[in-house]
């Protein structure tokens, strides 16, 4: 076993396939600091994390006196999975073209909104953000309530609504799961076991979700958005909710039809009016660009945005932040994102 572990670590280092994730008792998992990984699954791209495990440059917790800060929370769409190099991320495009504004990317592959809120509490708020951008994707509508993420094959926290309040059940680990996160050999065994048992785990989560009435799910979403907004206000930050649409309907391996308009998006839209939560729906812009087919908005055989999709997102978010948040009056210079063709798109 020791020789296998040594061989796997040497091979992972030489091939830039070192571990990216580790377990976390609150979130389920998080990115390791200084991780390096060359993903060749679909569209090859490099992953590099900073000293705190973010796919971004290093930032001090203490905000510079002359800077404004935006913290962006989300899943693989924010992380740039699918084939997006770090300079092409919409957070990087936004920051590099907006003098005086720092945009911190806290996206993690596989995260759902419960994990994103807890990540804000445990890490994101320490950066003293002026604006918190919470990014949602269509699959959050179901995975929010799951106890496992069946794509990354890891346990996660999940929300429970009781007496009008939300609390988060911690991730449920097997006895040897933490050890498997520190050994390449045990990680391979753990992944093989998860793959073999994925169908039954998915079935359990589907059954658990079916027990929740539509009214309970909507009430949980309402309370969630209310709590995130209240937490941001308490810490002097403005909340912006951004919705990334599914660009095509499809049926998964269980026959579940993934729709374009989940109840989560409807709730966010309603609360944007009732609670004054700022809500940016990217659906019209991304659907329009996808229909034109001038440049691919998403990768073939993959739901994630291309660099062009990230550029579109940066433009839409820049306009929204300037027009709908205090950044519009507080920043010295407005963002000026170059045309796509000038970037060599």
Protein backbone atom coordinates (compact mmCIF):
# COMPACT_ATOMS: atom_id res chain seq x y z
CA UNK A 1 0.00 0.00 0.00
CA UNK A 2 2.83 2.40 0.87
CA UNK A 3 4.49 1.82 -2.51
CA UNK A 4 1.17 2.36 -4.28
CA UNK A 5 0.69 5.63 -2.42
CA UNK A 6 4.17 6.87 -3.35
CA UNK A 7 3.72 5.87 -7.01
CA UNK A 8 0.33 7.59 -7.24
CA UNK A 9 1.67 10.80 -5.69
CA UNK A 10 4.64 10.91 -8.08
CA UNK A 11 2.41 10.26 -11.09
CA UNK A 12 -0.09 12.90 -9.96
CA UNK A 13 2.67 15.48 -9.60
CA UNK A 14 4.24 14.73 -12.97
CA UNK A 15 0.89 14.73 -14.78
CA UNK A 16 -0.47 17.82 -12.92
CA UNK A 17 -3.28 15.67 -11.52
CA UNK A 18 -2.80 16.41 -7.83
CA UNK A 19 -5.78 16.42 -5.48
CA UNK A 20 -7.87 19.59 -5.59
CA UNK A 21 -10.46 18.92 -2.87
CA UNK A 22 -10.37 18.00 0.79
CA UNK A 23 -13.08 17.27 3.33
CA UNK A 24 -14.66 20.01 5.43
CA UNK A 25 -16.90 19.30 8.45
CA UNK A 26 -19.18 22.25 7.68
CA UNK A 27 -19.25 22.48 3.88
CA UNK A 28 -18.59 18.86 2.93
CA UNK A 29 -15.54 19.73 0.85
CA UNK A 30 -13.43 22.68 -0.22
CA UNK A 31 -10.45 23.32 -2.48
CA UNK A 32 -6.98 22.72 -1.17
CA UNK A 33 -4.55 25.67 -1.01
CA UNK A 34 -1.96 25.84 -3.79
CA UNK A 35 -3.58 22.97 -5.72
CA UNK A 36 -2.47 22.34 -9.30
CA UNK A 37 -4.48 20.24 -11.73
CA UNK A 38 -4.66 19.86 -15.50
CA UNK A 39 -8.21 18.77 -16.36
CA UNK A 40 -8.40 16.82 -19.62
CA UNK A 41 -11.88 15.33 -19.26
CA UNK A 42 -13.61 17.40 -21.97
CA UNK A 43 -11.90 20.68 -22.86
CA UNK A 44 -8.41 20.77 -21.32
CA UNK A 45 -7.74 23.59 -18.86
CA UNK A 46 -5.51 24.33 -15.88
CA UNK A 47 -6.67 24.70 -12.29
CA UNK A 48 -4.55 26.61 -9.78
CA UNK A 49 -5.72 27.72 -6.34
CA UNK A 50 -4.27 30.40 -4.11
CA UNK A 51 -3.08 30.20 -0.52
CA UNK A 52 -6.67 29.96 0.75
CA UNK A 53 -7.93 27.48 -1.81
CA UNK A 54 -9.65 29.92 -4.17
CA UNK A 55 -9.24 29.85 -7.95
CA UNK A 56 -8.00 33.41 -7.86
CA UNK A 57 -5.01 35.50 -6.90
CA UNK A 58 -4.22 36.05 -3.23
CA UNK A 59 -6.10 38.76 -1.35
CA UNK A 60 -5.53 40.05 2.18
CA UNK A 61 -8.57 39.86 4.44
CA UNK A 62 -8.08 43.53 5.24
CA UNK A 63 -9.58 45.54 2.41
CA UNK A 64 -7.36 48.32 1.02
CA UNK A 65 -8.62 51.76 2.00
CA UNK A 66 -8.99 52.86 -1.62
CA UNK A 67 -10.67 49.68 -2.92
CA UNK A 68 -14.19 48.35 -3.27
CA UNK A 69 -14.74 44.61 -3.04
CA UNK A 70 -17.13 42.14 -4.63
CA UNK A 71 -17.23 38.54 -3.37
CA UNK A 72 -18.73 36.08 -5.87
CA UNK A 73 -20.19 32.80 -4.59
CA UNK A 74 -21.21 29.91 -6.79
CA UNK A 75 -20.53 26.46 -8.17
CA UNK A 76 -18.66 25.21 -11.24
CA UNK A 77 -20.04 28.07 -13.37
CA UNK A 78 -18.20 30.58 -11.20
CA UNK A 79 -15.19 28.27 -10.82
CA UNK A 80 -14.89 28.07 -14.61
CA UNK A 81 -15.26 24.32 -15.06
CA UNK A 82 -15.61 22.88 -18.53
CA UNK A 83 -12.52 24.43 -20.06
CA UNK A 84 -12.07 28.07 -18.97
CA UNK A 85 -8.59 29.28 -18.13
CA UNK A 86 -8.28 31.60 -15.13
CA UNK A 87 -7.81 34.90 -17.03
CA UNK A 88 -11.02 34.14 -18.96
CA UNK A 89 -13.25 33.86 -15.88
CA UNK A 90 -15.96 36.51 -15.72
CA UNK A 91 -14.65 37.57 -12.31
CA UNK A 92 -11.18 38.12 -13.79
CA UNK A 93 -12.56 39.96 -16.83
CA UNK A 94 -14.56 42.21 -14.53
CA UNK A 95 -11.74 42.98 -12.10
CA UNK A 96 -9.07 43.54 -14.74
CA UNK A 97 -11.25 46.13 -16.47
CA UNK A 98 -12.62 47.90 -13.40
CA UNK A 99 -10.02 50.11 -11.65
CA UNK A 100 -10.39 50.26 -7.88
CA UNK A 101 -12.70 47.22 -7.63
CA UNK A 102 -11.52 43.80 -6.47
CA UNK A 103 -13.64 40.81 -7.52
CA UNK A 104 -12.96 37.69 -5.46
CA UNK A 105 -13.93 34.35 -6.99
CA UNK A 106 -15.18 31.87 -4.36
CA UNK A 107 -16.78 29.40 -6.77
CA UNK A 108 -16.28 25.70 -5.97
CA UNK A 109 -17.18 22.80 -8.24
CA UNK A 110 -20.33 21.06 -7.05
CA UNK A 111 -21.42 23.62 -4.46
CA UNK A 112 -25.10 24.31 -3.89
CA UNK A 113 -26.60 27.43 -2.25
CA UNK A 114 -26.46 26.03 1.30
CA UNK A 115 -22.70 25.54 1.01
CA UNK A 116 -22.28 28.96 -0.60
CA UNK A 117 -24.03 30.68 2.31
CA UNK A 118 -21.90 28.81 4.84
CA UNK A 119 -18.77 29.60 2.80
CA UNK A 120 -19.74 33.27 2.99
CA UNK A 121 -20.05 32.99 6.77
CA UNK A 122 -16.82 31.08 7.33
CA UNK A 123 -14.57 32.75 4.74
CA UNK A 124 -16.17 35.23 2.36
CA UNK A 125 -17.24 37.82 4.90
CA UNK A 126 -13.65 38.06 6.15
CA UNK A 127 -12.77 39.89 2.91
CA UNK A 128 -15.05 42.77 3.97
CA UNK A 129 -17.11 42.82 0.75
CA UNK A 130 -19.16 45.80 -0.33
CA UNK A 131 -21.26 43.55 -2.56
CA UNK A 132 -21.91 39.81 -2.33
CA UNK A 133 -22.90 38.15 -5.61
CA UNK A 134 -24.70 34.83 -5.12
CA UNK A 135 -24.79 32.86 -8.37
CA UNK A 136 -27.45 30.20 -8.90
CA UNK A 137 -27.76 27.56 -11.61
CA UNK A 138 -30.84 25.56 -12.60
CA UNK A 139 -29.72 22.37 -10.79
CA UNK A 140 -29.57 24.19 -7.44
CA UNK A 141 -33.34 23.78 -7.35
CA UNK A 142 -32.88 20.09 -6.45
CA UNK A 143 -29.32 19.76 -5.17
CA UNK A 144 -30.00 22.37 -2.47
CA UNK A 145 -31.97 19.67 -0.61
CA UNK A 146 -29.61 16.74 -1.28
CA UNK A 147 -27.27 15.23 1.32
CA UNK A 148 -24.74 14.25 -1.37
CA UNK A 149 -23.44 15.71 -4.59
CA UNK A 150 -23.65 12.89 -7.08
CA UNK A 151 -21.30 14.44 -9.62
CA UNK A 152 -18.33 15.07 -7.33
CA UNK A 153 -19.33 12.02 -5.23
CA UNK A 154 -19.07 13.76 -1.88
CA UNK A 155 -21.38 14.27 1.12
CA UNK A 156 -22.67 17.78 1.78
CA UNK A 157 -24.69 19.78 4.24
CA UNK A 158 -28.35 20.44 3.47
CA UNK A 159 -31.08 22.78 4.76
CA UNK A 160 -33.94 21.90 7.07
CA UNK A 161 -36.84 24.29 7.69
CA UNK A 162 -38.26 24.08 11.21
CA UNK A 163 -40.52 26.59 12.96
CA UNK A 164 -39.90 29.13 10.23
CA UNK A 165 -36.12 28.96 10.58
CA UNK A 166 -33.43 27.22 8.54
CA UNK A 167 -30.66 25.18 10.04
CA UNK A 168 -28.11 23.16 8.13
CA UNK A 169 -27.53 19.47 8.72
CA UNK A 170 -23.77 18.78 8.59
CA UNK A 171 -22.35 16.38 6.00
CA UNK A 172 -22.50 12.72 6.94
CA UNK A 173 -19.16 11.03 6.49
CA UNK A 174 -18.30 7.36 6.49
CA UNK A 175 -15.73 6.43 9.11
CA UNK A 176 -12.85 6.31 6.64
CA UNK A 177 -13.86 9.24 4.42
CA UNK A 178 -11.55 11.83 6.09
CA UNK A 179 -8.60 9.44 5.73
CA UNK A 180 -9.38 8.94 2.04
CA UNK A 181 -8.97 12.68 1.51
CA UNK A 182 -5.34 12.50 2.62
CA UNK A 183 -4.29 9.44 0.67
CA UNK A 184 -4.28 9.06 -3.09
CA UNK A 185 -4.64 5.29 -2.79
CA UNK A 186 -7.61 5.46 -0.39
CA UNK A 187 -9.14 8.24 -2.48
CA UNK A 188 -9.20 5.91 -5.49
CA UNK A 189 -10.86 3.19 -3.43
CA UNK A 190 -13.37 5.67 -2.02
CA UNK A 191 -14.22 6.99 -5.48
CA UNK A 192 -14.70 3.48 -6.83
CA UNK A 193 -17.02 2.68 -3.94
CA UNK A 194 -19.00 5.90 -4.51
CA UNK A 195 -19.40 5.15 -8.21
CA UNK A 196 -20.67 1.66 -7.44
CA UNK A 197 -23.17 3.02 -4.91
CA UNK A 198 -24.12 6.21 -6.76
CA UNK A 199 -27.45 4.90 -8.02
CA UNK A 200 -28.66 3.99 -4.55
CA UNK A 201 -27.44 7.30 -3.11
CA UNK A 202 -29.25 9.21 -5.84
CA UNK A 203 -32.38 7.21 -5.15
CA UNK A 204 -32.25 8.04 -1.44
CA UNK A 205 -31.91 11.76 -2.15
CA UNK A 206 -34.70 11.64 -4.72
CA UNK A 207 -36.97 9.94 -2.20
CA UNK A 208 -36.04 12.51 0.44
CA UNK A 209 -36.83 15.34 -1.96
CA UNK A 210 -40.16 13.75 -2.87
CA UNK A 211 -41.17 13.86 0.79
CA UNK A 212 -40.95 17.65 0.73
CA UNK A 213 -44.09 19.31 -0.54
CA UNK A 214 -43.76 22.08 -3.15
CA UNK A 215 -44.96 24.49 -0.45
CA UNK A 216 -42.16 23.41 1.90
CA UNK A 217 -39.52 23.75 -0.80
CA UNK A 218 -40.73 27.23 -1.72
CA UNK A 219 -40.89 28.25 1.96
CA UNK A 220 -37.32 26.99 2.44
CA UNK A 221 -36.10 28.99 -0.53
CA UNK A 222 -37.87 32.11 0.74
CA UNK A 223 -36.33 31.80 4.19
CA UNK A 224 -32.92 31.08 2.66
CA UNK A 225 -32.91 34.24 0.55
CA UNK A 226 -34.20 36.25 3.50
CA UNK A 227 -31.41 34.92 5.76
CA UNK A 228 -28.63 35.56 3.23
CA UNK A 229 -29.88 39.09 2.60
CA UNK A 230 -30.15 39.81 6.33
CA UNK A 231 -26.64 38.46 6.94
CA UNK A 232 -25.18 40.64 4.19
CA UNK A 233 -26.95 43.73 5.50
CA UNK A 234 -25.73 42.99 9.02
CA UNK A 235 -22.16 43.07 7.72
CA UNK A 236 -22.55 46.17 5.57
CA UNK A 237 -22.74 44.38 2.22
CA UNK A 238 -25.32 44.48 -0.56
CA UNK A 239 -26.63 41.17 -1.92
CA UNK A 240 -27.02 40.52 -5.64
CA UNK A 241 -28.52 37.20 -6.81
CA UNK A 242 -27.53 36.09 -10.33
CA UNK A 243 -29.31 33.29 -12.17
CA UNK A 244 -27.48 31.23 -14.81
CA UNK A 245 -29.97 29.46 -17.09
CA UNK A 246 -29.86 26.02 -18.61
CA UNK A 247 -29.41 26.65 -22.32
CA UNK A 248 -31.20 23.47 -23.36
CA UNK A 249 -33.64 21.07 -21.73
CA UNK A 250 -32.46 17.48 -21.35
CA UNK A 251 -33.32 14.22 -19.60
CA UNK A 252 -30.73 12.73 -17.25
CA UNK A 253 -29.90 9.03 -16.90
CA UNK A 254 -32.93 8.55 -14.63
CA UNK A 255 -35.35 10.17 -17.07
CA UNK A 256 -35.70 13.35 -15.00
CA UNK A 257 -36.41 16.30 -17.30
CA UNK A 258 -34.24 19.28 -16.43
CA UNK A 259 -36.40 22.31 -17.06
CA UNK A 260 -35.48 25.85 -17.99
CA UNK A 261 -37.56 27.53 -15.28
CA UNK A 262 -37.25 25.90 -11.82
CA UNK A 263 -39.21 27.15 -8.81
CA UNK A 264 -35.98 28.52 -7.29
CA UNK A 265 -35.73 31.10 -10.06
CA UNK A 266 -39.40 32.05 -9.63
CA UNK A 267 -38.93 32.54 -5.89
CA UNK A 268 -35.82 34.68 -6.42
CA UNK A 269 -37.70 36.80 -8.94
CA UNK A 270 -40.61 37.31 -6.54
CA UNK A 271 -38.36 38.14 -3.61
CA UNK A 272 -36.46 40.67 -5.68
CA UNK A 273 -39.69 42.64 -5.65
CA UNK A 274 -40.87 41.87 -2.10
CA UNK A 275 -37.57 42.05 -0.20
CA UNK A 276 -35.79 44.46 -2.53
CA UNK A 277 -33.16 41.79 -3.23
CA UNK A 278 -31.35 42.69 -6.42
CA UNK A 279 -31.87 39.90 -8.95
CA UNK A 280 -30.06 39.58 -12.27
CA UNK A 281 -31.51 36.93 -14.58
CA UNK A 282 -28.96 36.10 -17.28
CA UNK A 283 -31.48 34.01 -19.22
CA UNK A 284 -32.49 36.61 -21.86
CA UNK A 285 -28.92 37.59 -22.70
CA UNK A 286 -27.43 34.10 -22.80
CA UNK A 287 -30.40 32.60 -24.66
CA UNK A 288 -30.19 35.39 -27.23
CA UNK A 289 -26.46 34.91 -27.75
CA UNK A 290 -26.89 31.14 -27.95
CA UNK A 291 -29.63 31.46 -30.59
CA UNK A 292 -27.46 33.72 -32.75
CA UNK A 293 -24.68 31.12 -32.78
CA UNK A 294 -22.04 33.73 -33.64
CA UNK A 295 -19.78 32.26 -30.96
CA UNK A 296 -20.48 29.24 -28.76
CA UNK A 297 -21.88 30.28 -25.38
CA UNK A 298 -21.48 26.83 -23.84
CA UNK A 299 -19.09 24.00 -24.55
CA UNK A 300 -20.27 21.15 -26.81
CA UNK A 301 -21.58 18.24 -24.74
CA UNK A 302 -21.19 20.32 -21.61
CA UNK A 303 -23.52 22.77 -19.84
CA UNK A 304 -20.74 25.14 -18.75
CA UNK A 305 -20.05 28.53 -20.29
CA UNK A 306 -17.23 29.08 -22.76
CA UNK A 307 -14.83 32.02 -22.43
CA UNK A 308 -17.30 33.95 -24.61
CA UNK A 309 -20.09 33.05 -22.18
CA UNK A 310 -17.94 34.37 -19.33
CA UNK A 311 -17.27 37.57 -21.27
CA UNK A 312 -21.02 38.05 -21.76
CA UNK A 313 -21.59 37.45 -18.05
CA UNK A 314 -18.92 40.00 -17.11
CA UNK A 315 -20.61 42.61 -19.30
CA UNK A 316 -24.07 41.96 -17.90
CA UNK A 317 -22.85 41.92 -14.32
CA UNK A 318 -20.82 45.11 -14.78
CA UNK A 319 -23.86 46.99 -16.07
CA UNK A 320 -26.05 45.62 -13.29
CA UNK A 321 -23.63 46.46 -10.50
CA UNK A 322 -23.16 49.98 -11.84
CA UNK A 323 -26.89 50.61 -12.18
CA UNK A 324 -28.38 48.68 -9.25
CA UNK A 325 -25.85 48.87 -6.40
CA UNK A 326 -23.92 51.56 -4.58
CA UNK A 327 -20.81 50.72 -6.63
CA UNK A 328 -22.25 52.93 -9.35
CA UNK A 329 -21.78 56.05 -7.26
CA UNK A 330 -18.82 54.94 -5.16
CA UNK A 331 -16.31 53.73 -7.75
CA UNK A 332 -13.97 56.29 -9.25
CA UNK A 333 -13.92 54.81 -12.73
CA UNK A 334 -16.67 52.69 -14.36
CA UNK A 335 -15.77 49.30 -15.81
CA UNK A 336 -14.68 49.29 -19.45
CA UNK A 337 -14.63 45.77 -20.87
CA UNK A 338 -13.07 45.53 -24.35
CA UNK A 339 -15.13 44.09 -27.21
CA UNK A 340 -14.92 40.34 -27.57
CA UNK A 341 -13.14 40.42 -30.95
CA UNK A 342 -10.37 42.57 -29.52
CA UNK A 343 -9.67 39.80 -27.01
CA UNK A 344 -8.93 37.42 -29.84
CA UNK A 345 -12.26 35.57 -29.19
